[in-house]
């Protein structure tokens, strides 16, 4: 698996447009209700995020999800069907990342917290992950709900 992830990243780095065209063709071919970017790994650069935004705009019938620790990118102007969730591990300094030019309380990206028995920052009302994306799908809607999510460490 790790080799395949490395190959995917190398392909993106060598030819970003071709890589993203392949992703878009996959989405157009299979028309999934939900699409998750990266089961492991992260958004490598701002250009990649911009492609993610463009693909979500082109395929409005699919809801897209990505977890990230890349707090420094510009997440403004996200389409409604693209959910970006900031990953937080115990001990990480958390940055509340705006997705609008003028963030209000609801103008920050949701946070995915990891509960290992020591995490004390999980807000009340955060959704407890039941463990199966295939059956749940809540993370694709967190920004619309104005909620965070938390996972049991596994």
C-alpha atoms as a PDB file:
ATOM      1  CA  UNK A   1       0.000   0.000   0.000  1.00  0.00           C
ATOM      2  CA  UNK A   2       2.727   2.464   0.956  1.00  0.00           C
ATOM      3  CA  UNK A   3       4.410   1.899  -2.396  1.00  0.00           C
ATOM      4  CA  UNK A   4       1.158   2.684  -4.231  1.00  0.00           C
ATOM      5  CA  UNK A   5       0.699   5.878  -2.196  1.00  0.00           C
ATOM      6  CA  UNK A   6       4.251   6.918  -3.040  1.00  0.00           C
ATOM      7  CA  UNK A   7       3.651   6.179  -6.714  1.00  0.00           C
ATOM      8  CA  UNK A   8       0.465   8.258  -6.694  1.00  0.00           C
ATOM      9  CA  UNK A   9       2.273  11.207  -5.142  1.00  0.00           C
ATOM     10  CA  UNK A  10       5.149  10.858  -7.626  1.00  0.00           C
ATOM     11  CA  UNK A  11       2.679  10.818 -10.512  1.00  0.00           C
ATOM     12  CA  UNK A  12       1.005  13.960  -9.201  1.00  0.00           C
ATOM     13  CA  UNK A  13       4.350  15.736  -8.767  1.00  0.00           C
ATOM     14  CA  UNK A  14       5.485  14.794 -12.272  1.00  0.00           C
ATOM     15  CA  UNK A  15       2.247  15.769 -14.016  1.00  0.00           C
ATOM     16  CA  UNK A  16      -0.415  17.379 -11.797  1.00  0.00           C
ATOM     17  CA  UNK A  17      -2.858  18.038 -14.627  1.00  0.00           C
ATOM     18  CA  UNK A  18      -2.769  14.420 -15.853  1.00  0.00           C
ATOM     19  CA  UNK A  19      -3.159  13.071 -12.319  1.00  0.00           C
ATOM     20  CA  UNK A  20      -6.164  15.251 -11.557  1.00  0.00           C
ATOM     21  CA  UNK A  21      -7.702  14.470 -14.950  1.00  0.00           C
ATOM     22  CA  UNK A  22      -7.530  10.776 -14.012  1.00  0.00           C
ATOM     23  CA  UNK A  23      -9.257  11.515 -10.696  1.00  0.00           C
ATOM     24  CA  UNK A  24     -11.968  13.500 -12.459  1.00  0.00           C
ATOM     25  CA  UNK A  25     -12.450  10.761 -15.064  1.00  0.00           C
ATOM     26  CA  UNK A  26     -12.863   8.216 -12.257  1.00  0.00           C
ATOM     27  CA  UNK A  27     -15.490  10.372 -10.561  1.00  0.00           C
ATOM     28  CA  UNK A  28     -17.334  10.944 -13.837  1.00  0.00           C
ATOM     29  CA  UNK A  29     -17.232   7.258 -14.698  1.00  0.00           C
ATOM     30  CA  UNK A  30     -18.457   5.894 -11.363  1.00  0.00           C
ATOM     31  CA  UNK A  31     -20.515   8.867 -10.104  1.00  0.00           C
ATOM     32  CA  UNK A  32     -19.990   8.040  -6.415  1.00  0.00           C
ATOM     33  CA  UNK A  33     -22.288   9.651  -3.880  1.00  0.00           C
ATOM     34  CA  UNK A  34     -19.237  10.221  -1.651  1.00  0.00           C
ATOM     35  CA  UNK A  35     -15.526  10.445  -2.480  1.00  0.00           C
ATOM     36  CA  UNK A  36     -12.749  10.571   0.121  1.00  0.00           C
ATOM     37  CA  UNK A  37      -9.409  12.052  -0.839  1.00  0.00           C
ATOM     38  CA  UNK A  38      -6.531  10.115   0.804  1.00  0.00           C
ATOM     39  CA  UNK A  39      -7.108   7.311   3.220  1.00  0.00           C
ATOM     40  CA  UNK A  40      -3.541   8.139   4.253  1.00  0.00           C
ATOM     41  CA  UNK A  41      -1.336  11.006   3.226  1.00  0.00           C
ATOM     42  CA  UNK A  42      -2.155  14.670   2.891  1.00  0.00           C
ATOM     43  CA  UNK A  43      -2.644  17.566   0.512  1.00  0.00           C
ATOM     44  CA  UNK A  44       0.877  18.140  -0.857  1.00  0.00           C
ATOM     45  CA  UNK A  45       0.495  21.790  -1.924  1.00  0.00           C
ATOM     46  CA  UNK A  46      -1.923  24.639  -2.595  1.00  0.00           C
ATOM     47  CA  UNK A  47      -2.212  23.727  -6.280  1.00  0.00           C
ATOM     48  CA  UNK A  48      -3.500  20.270  -5.317  1.00  0.00           C
ATOM     49  CA  UNK A  49      -6.141  21.868  -3.075  1.00  0.00           C
ATOM     50  CA  UNK A  50      -7.128  24.168  -5.936  1.00  0.00           C
ATOM     51  CA  UNK A  51      -7.617  21.102  -8.172  1.00  0.00           C
ATOM     52  CA  UNK A  52      -9.730  19.468  -5.446  1.00  0.00           C
ATOM     53  CA  UNK A  53     -11.894  22.588  -5.347  1.00  0.00           C
ATOM     54  CA  UNK A  54     -12.234  22.590  -9.158  1.00  0.00           C
ATOM     55  CA  UNK A  55     -13.178  18.891  -9.321  1.00  0.00           C
ATOM     56  CA  UNK A  56     -15.845  19.381  -6.634  1.00  0.00           C
ATOM     57  CA  UNK A  57     -17.302  22.270  -8.638  1.00  0.00           C
ATOM     58  CA  UNK A  58     -17.366  20.170 -11.812  1.00  0.00           C
ATOM     59  CA  UNK A  59     -19.026  17.182 -10.142  1.00  0.00           C
ATOM     60  CA  UNK A  60     -21.776  18.609  -7.949  1.00  0.00           C
ATOM     61  CA  UNK A  61     -23.473  15.208  -7.589  1.00  0.00           C
ATOM     62  CA  UNK A  62     -20.585  13.843  -5.496  1.00  0.00           C
ATOM     63  CA  UNK A  63     -19.712  14.918  -1.964  1.00  0.00           C
ATOM     64  CA  UNK A  64     -15.940  15.092  -1.390  1.00  0.00           C
ATOM     65  CA  UNK A  65     -14.039  14.733   1.899  1.00  0.00           C
ATOM     66  CA  UNK A  66     -10.430  15.289   2.898  1.00  0.00           C
ATOM     67  CA  UNK A  67      -8.716  15.222   6.288  1.00  0.00           C
ATOM     68  CA  UNK A  68      -5.578  17.359   6.538  1.00  0.00           C
ATOM     69  CA  UNK A  69      -2.896  18.643   8.881  1.00  0.00           C
ATOM     70  CA  UNK A  70      -1.960  21.361   6.377  1.00  0.00           C
ATOM     71  CA  UNK A  71      -3.334  24.354   8.263  1.00  0.00           C
ATOM     72  CA  UNK A  72      -1.431  26.898   6.165  1.00  0.00           C
ATOM     73  CA  UNK A  73      -3.309  26.639   2.869  1.00  0.00           C
ATOM     74  CA  UNK A  74      -6.051  28.966   1.667  1.00  0.00           C
ATOM     75  CA  UNK A  75      -9.342  27.130   2.203  1.00  0.00           C
ATOM     76  CA  UNK A  76     -11.586  30.042   1.239  1.00  0.00           C
ATOM     77  CA  UNK A  77     -14.334  29.665  -1.324  1.00  0.00           C
ATOM     78  CA  UNK A  78     -14.858  25.929  -0.828  1.00  0.00           C
ATOM     79  CA  UNK A  79     -17.808  24.485  -2.742  1.00  0.00           C
ATOM     80  CA  UNK A  80     -20.586  23.099  -0.532  1.00  0.00           C
ATOM     81  CA  UNK A  81     -19.821  19.532  -1.658  1.00  0.00           C
ATOM     82  CA  UNK A  82     -16.148  19.658  -0.556  1.00  0.00           C
ATOM     83  CA  UNK A  83     -15.618  19.001   3.140  1.00  0.00           C
ATOM     84  CA  UNK A  84     -12.135  19.724   4.468  1.00  0.00           C
ATOM     85  CA  UNK A  85     -11.569  18.583   8.060  1.00  0.00           C
ATOM     86  CA  UNK A  86      -8.512  19.638  10.056  1.00  0.00           C
ATOM     87  CA  UNK A  87      -6.816  16.695  11.809  1.00  0.00           C
ATOM     88  CA  UNK A  88      -5.824  17.127  15.445  1.00  0.00           C
ATOM     89  CA  UNK A  89      -3.823  14.617  17.414  1.00  0.00           C
ATOM     90  CA  UNK A  90      -3.266  14.862  21.162  1.00  0.00           C
ATOM     91  CA  UNK A  91      -0.497  17.392  21.777  1.00  0.00           C
ATOM     92  CA  UNK A  92      -0.866  19.184  18.407  1.00  0.00           C
ATOM     93  CA  UNK A  93      -1.294  22.918  18.575  1.00  0.00           C
ATOM     94  CA  UNK A  94      -4.594  23.503  16.875  1.00  0.00           C
ATOM     95  CA  UNK A  95      -5.138  26.335  14.479  1.00  0.00           C
ATOM     96  CA  UNK A  96      -8.730  27.232  13.683  1.00  0.00           C
ATOM     97  CA  UNK A  97      -8.634  27.513   9.910  1.00  0.00           C
ATOM     98  CA  UNK A  98     -11.115  29.859   8.213  1.00  0.00           C
ATOM     99  CA  UNK A  99     -12.886  28.856   5.025  1.00  0.00           C
ATOM    100  CA  UNK A 100     -14.429  32.264   4.424  1.00  0.00           C
ATOM    101  CA  UNK A 101     -12.784  35.636   3.960  1.00  0.00           C
ATOM    102  CA  UNK A 102     -14.614  36.901   7.084  1.00  0.00           C
ATOM    103  CA  UNK A 103     -14.892  33.912   9.425  1.00  0.00           C
ATOM    104  CA  UNK A 104     -17.694  33.863  11.929  1.00  0.00           C
ATOM    105  CA  UNK A 105     -17.987  31.145  14.524  1.00  0.00           C
ATOM    106  CA  UNK A 106     -19.234  28.838  11.779  1.00  0.00           C
ATOM    107  CA  UNK A 107     -16.587  30.137   9.345  1.00  0.00           C
ATOM    108  CA  UNK A 108     -13.890  27.722  10.518  1.00  0.00           C
ATOM    109  CA  UNK A 109     -13.180  24.267   9.186  1.00  0.00           C
ATOM    110  CA  UNK A 110     -14.296  21.376  11.387  1.00  0.00           C
ATOM    111  CA  UNK A 111     -11.672  19.528  13.403  1.00  0.00           C
ATOM    112  CA  UNK A 112     -11.178  15.771  13.637  1.00  0.00           C
ATOM    113  CA  UNK A 113      -9.998  14.963  17.139  1.00  0.00           C
ATOM    114  CA  UNK A 114      -8.248  11.742  18.173  1.00  0.00           C
ATOM    115  CA  UNK A 115      -9.153  10.481  21.633  1.00  0.00           C
ATOM    116  CA  UNK A 116      -6.384   8.404  23.148  1.00  0.00           C
ATOM    117  CA  UNK A 117      -7.547   8.929  26.732  1.00  0.00           C
ATOM    118  CA  UNK A 118      -5.557  12.152  27.156  1.00  0.00           C
ATOM    119  CA  UNK A 119      -7.338  14.573  24.802  1.00  0.00           C
ATOM    120  CA  UNK A 120      -9.237  17.237  26.745  1.00  0.00           C
ATOM    121  CA  UNK A 121     -10.045  19.738  23.979  1.00  0.00           C
ATOM    122  CA  UNK A 122     -12.903  17.907  22.235  1.00  0.00           C
ATOM    123  CA  UNK A 123     -15.871  20.285  22.266  1.00  0.00           C
ATOM    124  CA  UNK A 124     -19.283  19.293  23.539  1.00  0.00           C
ATOM    125  CA  UNK A 125     -21.452  18.376  20.584  1.00  0.00           C
ATOM    126  CA  UNK A 126     -18.601  16.896  18.566  1.00  0.00           C
ATOM    127  CA  UNK A 127     -19.748  13.820  16.678  1.00  0.00           C
ATOM    128  CA  UNK A 128     -18.326  10.490  17.911  1.00  0.00           C
ATOM    129  CA  UNK A 129     -17.235   8.426  14.910  1.00  0.00           C
ATOM    130  CA  UNK A 130     -18.928   5.016  14.905  1.00  0.00           C
ATOM    131  CA  UNK A 131     -16.059   3.595  12.826  1.00  0.00           C
ATOM    132  CA  UNK A 132     -17.500   3.009   9.351  1.00  0.00           C
ATOM    133  CA  UNK A 133     -17.493   5.694   6.655  1.00  0.00           C
ATOM    134  CA  UNK A 134     -19.431   3.390   4.345  1.00  0.00           C
ATOM    135  CA  UNK A 135     -22.394   3.291   6.720  1.00  0.00           C
ATOM    136  CA  UNK A 136     -22.182   6.760   8.293  1.00  0.00           C
ATOM    137  CA  UNK A 137     -21.155   9.634   6.006  1.00  0.00           C
ATOM    138  CA  UNK A 138     -21.444  12.368   8.661  1.00  0.00           C
ATOM    139  CA  UNK A 139     -17.918  13.725   8.047  1.00  0.00           C
ATOM    140  CA  UNK A 140     -18.967  14.818   4.554  1.00  0.00           C
ATOM    141  CA  UNK A 141     -21.482  17.172   6.226  1.00  0.00           C
ATOM    142  CA  UNK A 142     -19.533  18.483   9.255  1.00  0.00           C
ATOM    143  CA  UNK A 143     -18.937  21.979   7.875  1.00  0.00           C
ATOM    144  CA  UNK A 144     -22.632  22.385   7.054  1.00  0.00           C
ATOM    145  CA  UNK A 145     -23.507  21.183  10.558  1.00  0.00           C
ATOM    146  CA  UNK A 146     -20.883  23.377  12.243  1.00  0.00           C
ATOM    147  CA  UNK A 147     -19.588  20.368  14.176  1.00  0.00           C
ATOM    148  CA  UNK A 148     -16.293  18.649  14.884  1.00  0.00           C
ATOM    149  CA  UNK A 149     -15.811  14.880  14.939  1.00  0.00           C
ATOM    150  CA  UNK A 150     -13.765  12.690  17.232  1.00  0.00           C
ATOM    151  CA  UNK A 151     -12.260   9.263  16.712  1.00  0.00           C
ATOM    152  CA  UNK A 152     -11.190   6.616  19.166  1.00  0.00           C
ATOM    153  CA  UNK A 153      -7.489   5.966  18.724  1.00  0.00           C
ATOM    154  CA  UNK A 154      -7.048   2.720  16.847  1.00  0.00           C
END
